[in-house]
Amino acid sequence: MADKTLLFHISDIHFGLEDDQSLDWVVQEIAEKRPAAVAITGDLTMRARHREFAAACHWIRSLDVPVTVEVGNHDLPYFNLIERFATPYKRFHSIKRVVECPINLPGLAIVPLKTVRRWQPRWPWSHGWVTGRALEQTLGMIDRLPKGTGVLVACHHPLVEAGTHGKAWTKGGDHALAELARRGVLATLSGHVHDAFDIVSQTAHGPVRMIGAGTLSQRIRSTPQSFNEITWDGEALEVRVRSIADLPTEKMQVPEVPEDAMPPRKPDEPVAPVHTVPRVDPPVH
């Protein structure tokens, strides 16, 4: 049995409405457990303000472990449309070397997949969209990896809604997921919905495991602030949802990705009670 690789998967920090207690807790966990890498799947900020990015980037730089960062829909400029269209990643400048950057570990790789767009011919622009170019870049990175490398694909939006019957709010997501299944990826890592999930989606080329992280912000949906602790032993991928409320994983997971994928709760609204949901056991890779 190979040595185990520990990863932390966090998402939707939303500086501007961050939860300081949760952030301090995660920093302490990283310092104590020293994961091989941290994957942050987008929405570092609330409204992409300069002060929010300054705080988010300072926090990320303080982690002192390898980090890869995906861009979320909240991270593109809201109030400066010229910057949004011309230089949408300008405010990431202090951490640009880790933005959409693959991480290669012994026997395991984290590969980025962009799901945000500066604009799209539908509203709202917060929905996911996998362009042909973005998918081609991701597949190219996967195809160049040494044979036998386990692959995790990090993106902001869940690629499909997995069990609901609504609109395909990630345009091109079903095709992207099928192409990832063709290449035998271990799982996709995403955020956006502010609740954790660990489900299997069927595609034309076989099943793909989809793992979602909760939020570290005040914008909680139906579960408390959390992140995912992922362990890879060379054969199986194990996911444990770490909740600030110290709840077991099964109480932190939602059974499917919500159709709208938009956390409706405002910060001053009461928190919905935590509910227990059945866990869908993924196939062992």
Protein backbone atom coordinates (compact mmCIF):
# COMPACT_ATOMS: atom_id res chain seq x y z
CA MET A 1 0.00 0.00 0.00
CA ALA A 2 1.37 3.40 -0.98
CA ASP A 3 1.82 6.20 1.54
CA LYS A 4 -1.33 8.25 1.98
CA THR A 5 -1.56 11.72 0.48
CA LEU A 6 -3.61 14.25 2.44
CA LEU A 7 -5.30 17.17 0.68
CA PHE A 8 -7.53 19.95 1.97
CA HIS A 9 -10.34 21.13 -0.32
CA ILE A 10 -11.84 24.48 0.66
CA SER A 11 -14.16 26.82 -1.17
CA ASP A 12 -16.27 29.96 -1.08
CA ILE A 13 -14.33 31.93 1.50
CA HIS A 14 -16.08 35.15 0.43
CA PHE A 15 -13.83 37.76 2.02
CA GLY A 16 -16.13 40.66 2.68
CA LEU A 17 -18.49 38.22 4.42
CA GLU A 18 -15.81 35.84 5.71
CA ASP A 19 -16.18 33.96 8.97
CA ASP A 20 -13.08 34.70 11.03
CA GLN A 21 -13.55 31.79 13.41
CA SER A 22 -13.69 29.35 10.49
CA LEU A 23 -10.63 30.84 8.82
CA ASP A 24 -8.59 30.66 12.03
CA TRP A 25 -9.70 27.05 12.50
CA VAL A 26 -8.58 26.06 8.99
CA VAL A 27 -5.21 27.77 9.40
CA GLN A 28 -4.67 25.81 12.62
CA GLU A 29 -5.68 22.55 10.93
CA ILE A 30 -3.26 23.18 8.06
CA ALA A 31 -0.44 23.98 10.48
CA GLU A 32 -1.06 20.81 12.49
CA LYS A 33 -1.80 18.31 9.70
CA ARG A 34 0.45 19.73 6.96
CA PRO A 35 -1.55 18.56 3.93
CA ALA A 36 0.41 17.92 0.75
CA ALA A 37 -1.68 20.60 -0.98
CA VAL A 38 -4.74 22.80 -0.58
CA ALA A 39 -7.23 23.18 -3.43
CA ILE A 40 -9.37 26.33 -3.21
CA THR A 41 -12.28 26.11 -5.63
CA GLY A 42 -13.22 29.73 -6.05
CA ASP A 43 -15.18 32.66 -4.66
CA LEU A 44 -12.37 34.14 -2.62
CA THR A 45 -14.32 37.39 -2.34
CA MET A 46 -17.86 38.65 -2.02
CA ARG A 47 -17.87 41.47 -4.57
CA ALA A 48 -14.30 41.36 -5.96
CA ARG A 49 -13.44 44.62 -4.20
CA HIS A 50 -9.77 45.56 -3.87
CA ARG A 51 -9.87 45.33 -0.07
CA GLU A 52 -11.51 41.90 -0.26
CA PHE A 53 -8.83 40.61 -2.62
CA ALA A 54 -6.09 42.08 -0.44
CA ALA A 55 -7.42 40.18 2.58
CA ALA A 56 -8.01 36.96 0.63
CA CYS A 57 -4.58 36.94 -0.96
CA HIS A 58 -2.87 37.72 2.34
CA TRP A 59 -4.69 34.77 3.96
CA ILE A 60 -3.76 32.39 1.13
CA ARG A 61 -0.10 33.45 1.18
CA SER A 62 0.01 32.72 4.92
CA LEU A 63 -0.89 29.04 4.52
CA ASP A 64 2.70 27.88 3.83
CA VAL A 65 1.67 24.79 1.82
CA PRO A 66 1.28 24.24 -1.94
CA VAL A 67 -1.97 25.86 -3.07
CA THR A 68 -3.98 25.93 -6.27
CA VAL A 69 -6.79 28.47 -6.65
CA GLU A 70 -9.74 28.38 -9.03
CA VAL A 71 -11.59 31.55 -10.00
CA GLY A 72 -15.22 31.85 -8.90
CA ASN A 73 -17.99 33.97 -10.33
CA HIS A 74 -17.73 36.31 -7.31
CA ASP A 75 -14.07 36.95 -8.12
CA LEU A 76 -14.63 38.80 -11.40
CA PRO A 77 -15.05 42.59 -11.06
CA TYR A 78 -18.64 43.55 -10.31
CA PHE A 79 -18.47 47.33 -10.50
CA ASN A 80 -15.79 47.94 -13.13
CA LEU A 81 -16.98 46.42 -16.40
CA ILE A 82 -13.95 47.69 -18.32
CA GLU A 83 -11.67 45.75 -16.00
CA ARG A 84 -14.01 42.75 -16.05
CA PHE A 85 -13.70 42.49 -19.84
CA ALA A 86 -10.11 43.67 -20.32
CA THR A 87 -8.16 42.36 -17.30
CA PRO A 88 -10.50 40.15 -15.24
CA TYR A 89 -7.68 38.52 -13.24
CA LYS A 90 -5.84 41.73 -12.41
CA ARG A 91 -6.80 41.65 -8.74
CA PHE A 92 -5.24 38.20 -8.30
CA HIS A 93 -1.79 39.69 -9.02
CA SER A 94 -0.20 38.85 -5.65
CA ILE A 95 -1.10 35.15 -5.95
CA LYS A 96 -1.13 34.83 -9.74
CA ARG A 97 1.41 31.98 -9.72
CA VAL A 98 -1.11 29.67 -7.98
CA VAL A 99 -4.25 30.71 -9.91
CA GLU A 100 -5.47 27.89 -12.15
CA CYS A 101 -2.14 26.16 -11.57
CA PRO A 102 -1.86 22.36 -11.65
CA ILE A 103 -0.25 20.60 -8.71
CA ASN A 104 1.75 17.42 -9.28
CA LEU A 105 2.26 15.11 -6.31
CA PRO A 106 3.65 11.56 -6.25
CA GLY A 107 1.03 9.54 -8.13
CA LEU A 108 -1.58 12.28 -7.93
CA ALA A 109 -2.30 15.52 -9.81
CA ILE A 110 -4.77 18.35 -9.32
CA VAL A 111 -5.71 19.84 -12.69
CA PRO A 112 -7.73 23.08 -13.12
CA LEU A 113 -10.85 23.51 -15.24
CA LYS A 114 -12.19 27.03 -15.75
CA THR A 115 -15.98 27.35 -15.39
CA VAL A 116 -16.39 31.15 -15.16
CA ARG A 117 -16.83 33.65 -18.00
CA ARG A 118 -16.57 37.41 -18.17
CA TRP A 119 -19.96 37.41 -19.82
CA GLN A 120 -22.38 34.91 -21.34
CA PRO A 121 -25.47 35.19 -23.53
CA ARG A 122 -27.82 34.37 -20.64
CA TRP A 123 -28.52 35.75 -17.22
CA PRO A 124 -27.27 35.55 -14.54
CA TRP A 125 -23.59 35.53 -15.43
CA SER A 126 -22.94 33.69 -12.17
CA HIS A 127 -23.80 30.36 -13.80
CA GLY A 128 -21.04 28.03 -14.91
CA TRP A 129 -19.84 27.66 -18.49
CA VAL A 130 -17.15 25.29 -19.76
CA THR A 131 -15.90 26.60 -23.09
CA GLY A 132 -14.32 24.34 -25.68
CA ARG A 133 -10.98 26.07 -25.14
CA ALA A 134 -11.10 25.62 -21.36
CA LEU A 135 -11.92 21.93 -21.70
CA GLU A 136 -9.20 21.43 -24.30
CA GLN A 137 -6.60 22.96 -21.98
CA THR A 138 -7.67 20.73 -19.09
CA LEU A 139 -7.72 17.57 -21.17
CA GLY A 140 -4.31 18.44 -22.57
CA MET A 141 -2.87 18.70 -19.05
CA ILE A 142 -4.39 15.34 -18.15
CA ASP A 143 -3.13 13.65 -21.31
CA ARG A 144 0.43 14.82 -20.64
CA LEU A 145 0.58 13.28 -17.16
CA PRO A 146 2.55 10.07 -16.61
CA LYS A 147 0.48 6.94 -17.12
CA GLY A 148 -1.14 5.76 -13.90
CA THR A 149 -1.37 9.19 -12.28
CA GLY A 150 -4.54 9.74 -10.31
CA VAL A 151 -6.28 12.94 -11.38
CA LEU A 152 -8.53 15.36 -9.50
CA VAL A 153 -10.08 18.15 -11.57
CA ALA A 154 -10.66 21.39 -9.68
CA CYS A 155 -13.34 23.83 -10.84
CA HIS A 156 -15.68 26.33 -9.22
CA HIS A 157 -19.09 25.21 -10.47
CA PRO A 158 -20.41 21.65 -10.19
CA LEU A 159 -20.49 20.40 -13.78
CA VAL A 160 -24.00 18.91 -13.59
CA GLU A 161 -26.88 19.14 -11.15
CA ALA A 162 -26.83 15.38 -10.57
CA GLY A 163 -30.33 14.21 -9.73
CA THR A 164 -32.43 17.34 -10.24
CA HIS A 165 -34.50 18.05 -13.31
CA GLY A 166 -33.81 21.71 -13.89
CA LYS A 167 -31.87 23.67 -16.46
CA ALA A 168 -28.25 22.85 -17.20
CA TRP A 169 -26.81 25.79 -15.29
CA THR A 170 -23.22 24.82 -16.16
CA LYS A 171 -23.20 25.13 -19.91
CA GLY A 172 -21.07 22.40 -21.45
CA GLY A 173 -20.71 20.69 -18.10
CA ASP A 174 -22.26 17.39 -19.14
CA HIS A 175 -19.90 17.11 -22.12
CA ALA A 176 -16.91 18.04 -19.95
CA LEU A 177 -17.84 15.45 -17.35
CA ALA A 178 -18.13 12.75 -20.03
CA GLU A 179 -14.66 13.61 -21.36
CA LEU A 180 -13.24 13.44 -17.85
CA ALA A 181 -14.89 10.04 -17.40
CA ARG A 182 -13.25 8.89 -20.64
CA ARG A 183 -9.90 9.69 -19.04
CA GLY A 184 -10.72 7.96 -15.78
CA VAL A 185 -10.34 10.92 -13.43
CA LEU A 186 -10.75 10.15 -9.75
CA ALA A 187 -13.17 13.02 -9.12
CA THR A 188 -14.04 16.63 -9.73
CA LEU A 189 -13.63 19.12 -6.88
CA SER A 190 -15.96 22.13 -6.84
CA GLY A 191 -17.69 24.68 -4.64
CA HIS A 192 -20.34 27.32 -5.41
CA VAL A 193 -23.32 25.71 -3.66
CA HIS A 194 -22.07 26.27 -0.07
CA ASP A 195 -22.93 22.72 1.02
CA ALA A 196 -20.77 19.62 0.85
CA PHE A 197 -21.63 16.67 -1.37
CA ASP A 198 -19.99 13.46 -2.55
CA ILE A 199 -21.99 11.84 -5.33
CA VAL A 200 -21.52 9.87 -8.53
CA SER A 201 -22.79 11.17 -11.85
CA GLN A 202 -23.34 8.86 -14.80
CA THR A 203 -22.05 9.93 -18.22
CA ALA A 204 -21.89 8.42 -21.69
CA HIS A 205 -18.36 7.24 -20.90
CA GLY A 206 -18.97 5.94 -17.40
CA PRO A 207 -19.42 7.30 -13.88
CA VAL A 208 -17.57 10.27 -12.41
CA ARG A 209 -17.36 11.11 -8.74
CA MET A 210 -18.24 14.73 -7.91
CA ILE A 211 -17.01 16.19 -4.61
CA GLY A 212 -18.21 19.58 -3.41
CA ALA A 213 -16.87 21.64 -0.52
CA GLY A 214 -18.96 23.84 1.73
CA THR A 215 -18.24 27.45 2.63
CA LEU A 216 -15.96 29.21 5.12
CA SER A 217 -18.07 32.37 4.97
CA GLN A 218 -21.10 33.74 6.77
CA ARG A 219 -23.21 32.80 3.72
CA ILE A 220 -24.11 29.32 4.90
CA ARG A 221 -26.97 27.46 3.32
CA SER A 222 -28.19 24.33 5.14
CA THR A 223 -25.01 23.23 6.93
CA PRO A 224 -22.35 24.98 9.06
CA GLN A 225 -18.99 26.14 7.74
CA SER A 226 -16.79 23.27 6.57
CA PHE A 227 -14.01 22.02 4.33
CA ASN A 228 -13.10 18.62 2.89
CA GLU A 229 -10.22 16.48 4.07
CA ILE A 230 -9.29 14.14 1.20
CA THR A 231 -6.99 11.14 1.52
CA TRP A 232 -5.54 9.20 -1.45
CA ASP A 233 -3.68 5.94 -0.83
CA GLY A 234 -2.97 5.09 -4.46
CA GLU A 235 -6.12 3.00 -4.79
CA ALA A 236 -9.03 4.71 -3.05
CA LEU A 237 -10.08 8.28 -2.40
CA GLU A 238 -11.58 8.98 1.01
CA VAL A 239 -13.44 12.19 1.81
CA ARG A 240 -14.18 13.47 5.28
CA VAL A 241 -16.18 16.66 5.71
CA ARG A 242 -14.65 18.70 8.51
CA SER A 243 -17.30 20.88 10.13
CA ILE A 244 -16.64 23.71 12.52
CA ALA A 245 -19.61 22.37 14.48
CA ASP A 246 -17.86 18.96 14.69
CA LEU A 247 -20.68 17.13 12.93
CA PRO A 248 -20.13 13.75 11.26
CA THR A 249 -19.64 13.70 7.50
CA GLU A 250 -23.03 12.17 6.74
CA LYS A 251 -24.79 15.07 8.45
CA MET A 252 -22.84 17.62 6.40
CA GLN A 253 -23.55 16.27 2.91
CA VAL A 254 -26.48 17.08 0.66
CA PRO A 255 -27.77 14.17 -1.46
CA GLU A 256 -27.65 16.04 -4.76
CA VAL A 257 -26.52 19.34 -6.23
CA PRO A 258 -29.33 21.91 -6.02
CA GLU A 259 -30.74 23.02 -9.35
CA ASP A 260 -30.19 26.73 -8.82
CA ALA A 261 -26.89 26.40 -6.93
CA MET A 262 -27.41 29.82 -5.42
CA PRO A 263 -27.29 30.09 -1.63
CA PRO A 264 -30.50 32.03 -0.86
CA ARG A 265 -29.87 32.86 2.78
CA LYS A 266 -28.85 36.37 3.81
CA PRO A 267 -26.32 36.77 6.64
CA ASP A 268 -28.92 38.02 9.12
CA GLU A 269 -31.42 35.21 8.43
CA PRO A 270 -31.65 32.20 10.78
CA VAL A 271 -29.69 29.10 9.92
CA ALA A 272 -31.72 26.16 8.67
CA PRO A 273 -31.39 23.06 10.85
CA VAL A 274 -28.74 20.58 9.85
CA HIS A 275 -30.29 17.49 8.28
CA THR A 276 -29.07 13.94 7.87
CA VAL A 277 -28.91 12.65 4.32
CA PRO A 278 -27.95 9.26 2.92
CA ARG A 279 -24.50 9.06 1.41
CA VAL A 280 -24.05 7.66 -2.08
CA ASP A 281 -21.07 5.35 -2.00
CA PRO A 282 -18.80 6.06 -4.98
CA PRO A 283 -17.00 3.35 -6.92
CA VAL A 284 -13.52 2.44 -5.73
CA HIS A 285 -10.88 3.48 -8.26
